[in-house]
């Protein structure tokens, strides 16, 4: 079967640019990347990644991060590692 179907979608220009840069680094054209995504959807009978609604704790953490509230900061990498127990 020949490749004759056309996909048209509106997308944020910056997101498109950033994704296309990554495709180039991977040696893919945008059409190849889209075909790869569609093939994975077909093979897995769903999205090839987990899509979930965040729970309340995660929502609060995301809101805090976006607002730059309740963020930990460290003076050096050793202090960060110590806090993480690494």
Protein backbone atom coordinates (compact mmCIF):
# COMPACT_ATOMS: atom_id res chain seq x y z
CA UNK A 1 0.00 0.00 0.00
CA UNK A 2 1.37 3.39 -0.97
CA UNK A 3 1.75 6.29 1.39
CA UNK A 4 -1.14 8.52 0.36
CA UNK A 5 -2.85 9.59 3.59
CA UNK A 6 -2.24 13.15 4.73
CA UNK A 7 -2.20 14.39 8.34
CA UNK A 8 -2.80 18.04 9.12
CA UNK A 9 -2.59 19.43 12.65
CA UNK A 10 -2.08 22.79 14.29
CA UNK A 11 0.71 22.84 16.86
CA UNK A 12 2.66 25.42 18.82
CA UNK A 13 5.51 26.63 16.54
CA UNK A 14 8.14 26.41 19.30
CA UNK A 15 7.13 22.84 20.17
CA UNK A 16 7.28 21.92 16.48
CA UNK A 17 10.73 23.47 16.10
CA UNK A 18 12.09 21.77 19.24
CA UNK A 19 10.69 18.37 18.26
CA UNK A 20 12.04 18.65 14.71
CA UNK A 21 15.51 19.42 16.08
CA UNK A 22 15.36 16.20 18.08
CA UNK A 23 14.12 14.26 15.05
CA UNK A 24 17.12 15.55 13.07
CA UNK A 25 19.48 14.44 15.85
CA UNK A 26 17.88 10.99 15.64
CA UNK A 27 18.22 10.95 11.85
CA UNK A 28 14.45 11.09 11.29
CA UNK A 29 12.26 13.30 9.18
CA UNK A 30 9.06 14.59 10.74
CA UNK A 31 7.08 12.22 8.52
CA UNK A 32 9.18 9.27 9.68
CA UNK A 33 8.72 10.28 13.34
CA UNK A 34 4.95 10.54 12.91
CA UNK A 35 4.85 7.18 11.11
CA UNK A 36 6.91 5.65 13.93
CA UNK A 37 4.49 7.03 16.52
CA UNK A 38 1.48 5.70 14.57
CA UNK A 39 3.16 2.29 14.18
CA UNK A 40 3.73 2.08 17.95
CA UNK A 41 0.09 3.03 18.61
CA UNK A 42 -0.97 0.27 16.21
CA UNK A 43 1.39 -2.34 17.72
CA UNK A 44 0.51 -1.51 21.33
CA UNK A 45 -3.18 -0.90 20.65
CA UNK A 46 -2.91 2.39 22.53
CA UNK A 47 -0.55 5.24 23.23
CA UNK A 48 3.07 4.11 23.50
CA UNK A 49 3.48 5.91 26.81
CA UNK A 50 1.53 6.27 30.02
CA UNK A 51 -1.01 9.11 30.17
CA UNK A 52 -2.42 9.73 33.61
CA UNK A 53 -4.27 12.43 35.47
CA UNK A 54 -2.00 13.53 38.34
CA UNK A 55 -3.19 12.88 41.90
CA UNK A 56 -3.75 15.77 44.32
CA UNK A 57 -0.24 15.61 45.79
CA UNK A 58 1.33 15.73 42.33
CA UNK A 59 -0.99 18.57 41.26
CA UNK A 60 0.06 20.59 44.32
CA UNK A 61 3.75 19.90 43.67
CA UNK A 62 3.37 21.01 40.03
CA UNK A 63 1.54 24.18 41.06
CA UNK A 64 4.21 24.96 43.66
CA UNK A 65 7.00 24.37 41.17
CA UNK A 66 5.37 26.61 38.55
CA UNK A 67 4.91 29.35 41.18
CA UNK A 68 8.44 28.72 42.54
CA UNK A 69 6.98 28.01 46.04
CA UNK A 70 8.34 25.58 48.64
CA UNK A 71 11.43 24.75 46.60
CA UNK A 72 14.53 23.30 48.23
CA UNK A 73 17.84 24.87 47.31
CA UNK A 74 21.37 23.72 47.97
CA UNK A 75 24.68 25.54 48.04
CA UNK A 76 26.54 22.69 46.38
CA UNK A 77 26.06 19.26 44.83
CA UNK A 78 27.32 17.48 47.94
CA UNK A 79 24.53 19.03 50.04
CA UNK A 80 21.96 17.90 47.45
CA UNK A 81 23.33 14.35 47.41
CA UNK A 82 23.38 14.27 51.21
CA UNK A 83 19.73 15.38 51.34
CA UNK A 84 18.83 12.67 48.81
CA UNK A 85 20.77 10.07 50.78
CA UNK A 86 23.11 9.35 47.89
